[in-house]
Amino acid sequence: MKIEDAIKSKFKDPKHKALVNIRYTSNYLAQRQNLFMKDYDLTMPQFNILRILRGAKKAIAVNIVKERMVEKSPNTTRLMDKLIDKGLINRTRCSDDRRVVFVEISEKGLEILADIDHEFESNDIFQINITDEEALLLSDILDKIRD
């Protein structure tokens, strides 16, 4: 569906149309992702934290997690507290500097990510209707917007 049909609007120029389309599409994808994550009792930021910690392969400082987040959030510590309560990550204080806190993914966290990965790969809900070449072009254009 064309963006002008979806929101019943006209645009002042192609750049305005592109900007609105990016926001609209981002929200569309976020809604689908949130619905998918609901089955795992996770939010997308919590999922992002788990993936960061799995990729780190060891305990890392909370500040490093905050830097790597896709969606920067002022409440990352609260998100991590919820993951600790669910048994998905572990937290330890640095013995040299008590102000530094380390987090790492737990075995239970790794298991839930494996379940999500399996479901994600076997489910077409996130398949987007573009070619690999178009996906690379889109990524390049989005990178250019942020430069």
C-alpha atoms as a PDB file:
ATOM      1  CA  MET A   1       0.000   0.000   0.000  1.00  0.00           C
ATOM      2  CA  LYS A   2       1.307   3.441  -0.929  1.00  0.00           C
ATOM      3  CA  ILE A   3       1.987   5.788   1.980  1.00  0.00           C
ATOM      4  CA  GLU A   4      -0.372   8.461   0.637  1.00  0.00           C
ATOM      5  CA  ASP A   5      -3.190   5.883   0.608  1.00  0.00           C
ATOM      6  CA  ALA A   6      -2.322   4.565   4.064  1.00  0.00           C
ATOM      7  CA  ILE A   7      -2.472   7.951   5.780  1.00  0.00           C
ATOM      8  CA  LYS A   8      -4.742   9.766   3.299  1.00  0.00           C
ATOM      9  CA  SER A   9      -2.346  12.651   2.854  1.00  0.00           C
ATOM     10  CA  LYS A  10      -0.270  14.508   0.303  1.00  0.00           C
ATOM     11  CA  PHE A  11       3.325  15.591   0.727  1.00  0.00           C
ATOM     12  CA  LYS A  12       5.066  18.872   0.013  1.00  0.00           C
ATOM     13  CA  ASP A  13       8.015  17.157  -1.694  1.00  0.00           C
ATOM     14  CA  PRO A  14       9.652  13.715  -2.159  1.00  0.00           C
ATOM     15  CA  LYS A  15      11.928  14.142   0.887  1.00  0.00           C
ATOM     16  CA  HIS A  16       8.944  14.881   3.136  1.00  0.00           C
ATOM     17  CA  LYS A  17       7.178  11.822   1.721  1.00  0.00           C
ATOM     18  CA  ALA A  18      10.258   9.665   2.366  1.00  0.00           C
ATOM     19  CA  LEU A  19      10.583  10.895   5.948  1.00  0.00           C
ATOM     20  CA  VAL A  20       6.928  10.187   6.738  1.00  0.00           C
ATOM     21  CA  ASN A  21       7.215   6.799   5.008  1.00  0.00           C
ATOM     22  CA  ILE A  22      10.264   5.872   7.130  1.00  0.00           C
ATOM     23  CA  ARG A  23       8.399   6.750  10.347  1.00  0.00           C
ATOM     24  CA  TYR A  24       5.215   4.962   9.255  1.00  0.00           C
ATOM     25  CA  THR A  25       7.109   1.837   8.200  1.00  0.00           C
ATOM     26  CA  SER A  26       9.180   1.860  11.382  1.00  0.00           C
ATOM     27  CA  ASN A  27       6.015   1.924  13.476  1.00  0.00           C
ATOM     28  CA  TYR A  28       4.471  -0.829  11.334  1.00  0.00           C
ATOM     29  CA  LEU A  29       7.495  -3.085  11.853  1.00  0.00           C
ATOM     30  CA  ALA A  30       7.679  -2.246  15.567  1.00  0.00           C
ATOM     31  CA  GLN A  31       4.046  -3.272  16.054  1.00  0.00           C
ATOM     32  CA  ARG A  32       4.697  -6.605  14.376  1.00  0.00           C
ATOM     33  CA  GLN A  33       7.850  -7.175  16.428  1.00  0.00           C
ATOM     34  CA  ASN A  34       6.105  -6.257  19.683  1.00  0.00           C
ATOM     35  CA  LEU A  35       3.286  -8.680  18.932  1.00  0.00           C
ATOM     36  CA  PHE A  36       5.841 -11.430  18.219  1.00  0.00           C
ATOM     37  CA  MET A  37       7.794 -10.701  21.435  1.00  0.00           C
ATOM     38  CA  LYS A  38       4.629 -10.702  23.543  1.00  0.00           C
ATOM     39  CA  ASP A  39       4.563 -14.514  23.322  1.00  0.00           C
ATOM     40  CA  TYR A  40       7.955 -14.528  25.075  1.00  0.00           C
ATOM     41  CA  ASP A  41       7.000 -11.897  27.684  1.00  0.00           C
ATOM     42  CA  LEU A  42       9.688  -9.584  26.311  1.00  0.00           C
ATOM     43  CA  THR A  43       9.796  -6.087  24.898  1.00  0.00           C
ATOM     44  CA  MET A  44      11.972  -5.260  21.908  1.00  0.00           C
ATOM     45  CA  PRO A  45      14.471  -3.316  24.073  1.00  0.00           C
ATOM     46  CA  GLN A  46      14.740  -6.328  26.415  1.00  0.00           C
ATOM     47  CA  PHE A  47      15.268  -8.586  23.404  1.00  0.00           C
ATOM     48  CA  ASN A  48      17.956  -6.193  22.180  1.00  0.00           C
ATOM     49  CA  ILE A  49      19.735  -6.402  25.551  1.00  0.00           C
ATOM     50  CA  LEU A  50      19.661 -10.208  25.444  1.00  0.00           C
ATOM     51  CA  ARG A  51      21.106 -10.243  21.924  1.00  0.00           C
ATOM     52  CA  ILE A  52      23.867  -7.808  22.914  1.00  0.00           C
ATOM     53  CA  LEU A  53      24.796  -9.992  25.870  1.00  0.00           C
ATOM     54  CA  ARG A  54      24.720 -13.185  23.825  1.00  0.00           C
ATOM     55  CA  GLY A  55      26.996 -11.571  21.257  1.00  0.00           C
ATOM     56  CA  ALA A  56      29.424 -10.387  23.950  1.00  0.00           C
ATOM     57  CA  LYS A  57      29.974 -14.009  25.086  1.00  0.00           C
ATOM     58  CA  LYS A  58      31.025 -12.749  28.543  1.00  0.00           C
ATOM     59  CA  ALA A  59      29.962 -10.311  31.226  1.00  0.00           C
ATOM     60  CA  ILE A  60      30.163  -6.691  30.046  1.00  0.00           C
ATOM     61  CA  ALA A  61      29.637  -3.342  31.720  1.00  0.00           C
ATOM     62  CA  VAL A  62      26.112  -1.933  31.748  1.00  0.00           C
ATOM     63  CA  ASN A  63      27.412   1.198  29.983  1.00  0.00           C
ATOM     64  CA  ILE A  64      28.613  -0.908  27.055  1.00  0.00           C
ATOM     65  CA  VAL A  65      25.139  -2.426  26.731  1.00  0.00           C
ATOM     66  CA  LYS A  66      23.642   1.082  26.737  1.00  0.00           C
ATOM     67  CA  GLU A  67      26.030   2.177  23.953  1.00  0.00           C
ATOM     68  CA  ARG A  68      25.121  -0.803  21.760  1.00  0.00           C
ATOM     69  CA  MET A  69      21.340  -0.506  22.102  1.00  0.00           C
ATOM     70  CA  VAL A  70      19.454  -0.032  18.830  1.00  0.00           C
ATOM     71  CA  GLU A  71      16.859   2.109  20.604  1.00  0.00           C
ATOM     72  CA  LYS A  72      18.628   4.293  23.153  1.00  0.00           C
ATOM     73  CA  SER A  73      16.628   4.306  26.375  1.00  0.00           C
ATOM     74  CA  PRO A  74      17.070   6.224  29.620  1.00  0.00           C
ATOM     75  CA  ASN A  75      15.557   3.289  31.511  1.00  0.00           C
ATOM     76  CA  THR A  76      18.004   0.580  30.404  1.00  0.00           C
ATOM     77  CA  THR A  77      18.797  -0.229  34.041  1.00  0.00           C
ATOM     78  CA  ARG A  78      15.095  -0.836  34.755  1.00  0.00           C
ATOM     79  CA  LEU A  79      14.857  -3.037  31.644  1.00  0.00           C
ATOM     80  CA  MET A  80      17.820  -5.055  32.922  1.00  0.00           C
ATOM     81  CA  ASP A  81      16.233  -5.325  36.380  1.00  0.00           C
ATOM     82  CA  LYS A  82      13.183  -6.951  34.766  1.00  0.00           C
ATOM     83  CA  LEU A  83      15.423  -9.382  32.863  1.00  0.00           C
ATOM     84  CA  ILE A  84      17.192 -10.253  36.135  1.00  0.00           C
ATOM     85  CA  ASP A  85      13.811 -10.853  37.796  1.00  0.00           C
ATOM     86  CA  LYS A  86      12.936 -13.240  34.946  1.00  0.00           C
ATOM     87  CA  GLY A  87      16.249 -15.068  35.386  1.00  0.00           C
ATOM     88  CA  LEU A  88      17.426 -14.162  31.870  1.00  0.00           C
ATOM     89  CA  ILE A  89      20.531 -12.180  32.847  1.00  0.00           C
ATOM     90  CA  ASN A  90      22.899 -11.977  35.820  1.00  0.00           C
ATOM     91  CA  ARG A  91      24.426  -8.866  37.374  1.00  0.00           C
ATOM     92  CA  THR A  92      27.674  -8.533  39.305  1.00  0.00           C
ATOM     93  CA  ARG A  93      29.577  -5.563  40.680  1.00  0.00           C
ATOM     94  CA  CYS A  94      33.194  -4.964  39.742  1.00  0.00           C
ATOM     95  CA  SER A  95      35.468  -5.886  42.637  1.00  0.00           C
ATOM     96  CA  ASP A  96      37.864  -3.026  41.822  1.00  0.00           C
ATOM     97  CA  ASP A  97      35.263  -0.284  41.351  1.00  0.00           C
ATOM     98  CA  ARG A  98      31.878  -0.798  43.021  1.00  0.00           C
ATOM     99  CA  ARG A  99      30.329   1.816  40.696  1.00  0.00           C
ATOM    100  CA  VAL A 100      30.872  -0.469  37.703  1.00  0.00           C
ATOM    101  CA  VAL A 101      28.232  -3.132  37.151  1.00  0.00           C
ATOM    102  CA  PHE A 102      28.606  -6.089  34.812  1.00  0.00           C
ATOM    103  CA  VAL A 103      25.793  -8.082  33.218  1.00  0.00           C
ATOM    104  CA  GLU A 104      25.791 -11.363  31.347  1.00  0.00           C
ATOM    105  CA  ILE A 105      23.166 -13.539  29.779  1.00  0.00           C
ATOM    106  CA  SER A 106      22.075 -16.577  31.791  1.00  0.00           C
ATOM    107  CA  GLU A 107      21.533 -20.088  30.487  1.00  0.00           C
ATOM    108  CA  LYS A 108      17.787 -19.426  30.601  1.00  0.00           C
ATOM    109  CA  GLY A 109      18.348 -16.260  28.545  1.00  0.00           C
ATOM    110  CA  LEU A 110      20.297 -18.228  25.946  1.00  0.00           C
ATOM    111  CA  GLU A 111      17.500 -20.794  25.789  1.00  0.00           C
ATOM    112  CA  ILE A 112      14.794 -18.194  25.190  1.00  0.00           C
ATOM    113  CA  LEU A 113      16.900 -16.572  22.437  1.00  0.00           C
ATOM    114  CA  ALA A 114      17.344 -19.988  20.802  1.00  0.00           C
ATOM    115  CA  ASP A 115      13.554 -20.445  20.894  1.00  0.00           C
ATOM    116  CA  ILE A 116      13.027 -16.985  19.411  1.00  0.00           C
ATOM    117  CA  ASP A 117      15.645 -17.610  16.702  1.00  0.00           C
ATOM    118  CA  HIS A 118      13.954 -20.882  15.750  1.00  0.00           C
ATOM    119  CA  GLU A 119      10.491 -19.303  15.641  1.00  0.00           C
ATOM    120  CA  PHE A 120      11.805 -16.286  13.770  1.00  0.00           C
ATOM    121  CA  GLU A 121      13.457 -18.431  11.089  1.00  0.00           C
ATOM    122  CA  SER A 122      10.443 -20.699  10.652  1.00  0.00           C
ATOM    123  CA  ASN A 123       7.926 -17.856  10.557  1.00  0.00           C
ATOM    124  CA  ASP A 124       7.351 -15.547   7.610  1.00  0.00           C
ATOM    125  CA  ILE A 125       5.970 -12.617   9.610  1.00  0.00           C
ATOM    126  CA  PHE A 126       9.166 -10.613   9.191  1.00  0.00           C
ATOM    127  CA  GLN A 127       9.803 -11.378   5.556  1.00  0.00           C
ATOM    128  CA  ILE A 128       9.886  -8.101   3.703  1.00  0.00           C
ATOM    129  CA  ASN A 129       8.944  -7.982   0.060  1.00  0.00           C
ATOM    130  CA  ILE A 130      12.254  -6.730  -1.352  1.00  0.00           C
ATOM    131  CA  THR A 131      15.249  -8.385  -2.947  1.00  0.00           C
ATOM    132  CA  ASP A 132      18.640  -8.672  -1.265  1.00  0.00           C
ATOM    133  CA  GLU A 133      19.935  -6.016  -3.671  1.00  0.00           C
ATOM    134  CA  GLU A 134      17.083  -3.667  -2.721  1.00  0.00           C
ATOM    135  CA  ALA A 135      17.699  -4.370   0.967  1.00  0.00           C
ATOM    136  CA  LEU A 136      21.361  -3.386   0.589  1.00  0.00           C
ATOM    137  CA  LEU A 137      20.380  -0.222  -1.291  1.00  0.00           C
ATOM    138  CA  LEU A 138      17.827   0.653   1.379  1.00  0.00           C
ATOM    139  CA  SER A 139      20.420   0.127   4.115  1.00  0.00           C
ATOM    140  CA  ASP A 140      22.883   2.352   2.251  1.00  0.00           C
ATOM    141  CA  ILE A 141      20.258   5.083   1.889  1.00  0.00           C
ATOM    142  CA  LEU A 142      19.355   4.892   5.583  1.00  0.00           C
ATOM    143  CA  ASP A 143      23.043   5.097   6.498  1.00  0.00           C
ATOM    144  CA  LYS A 144      23.347   8.163   4.255  1.00  0.00           C
ATOM    145  CA  ILE A 145      20.424   9.859   6.034  1.00  0.00           C
ATOM    146  CA  ARG A 146      22.285   9.534   9.357  1.00  0.00           C
ATOM    147  CA  ASP A 147      25.576  10.916   8.008  1.00  0.00           C
END
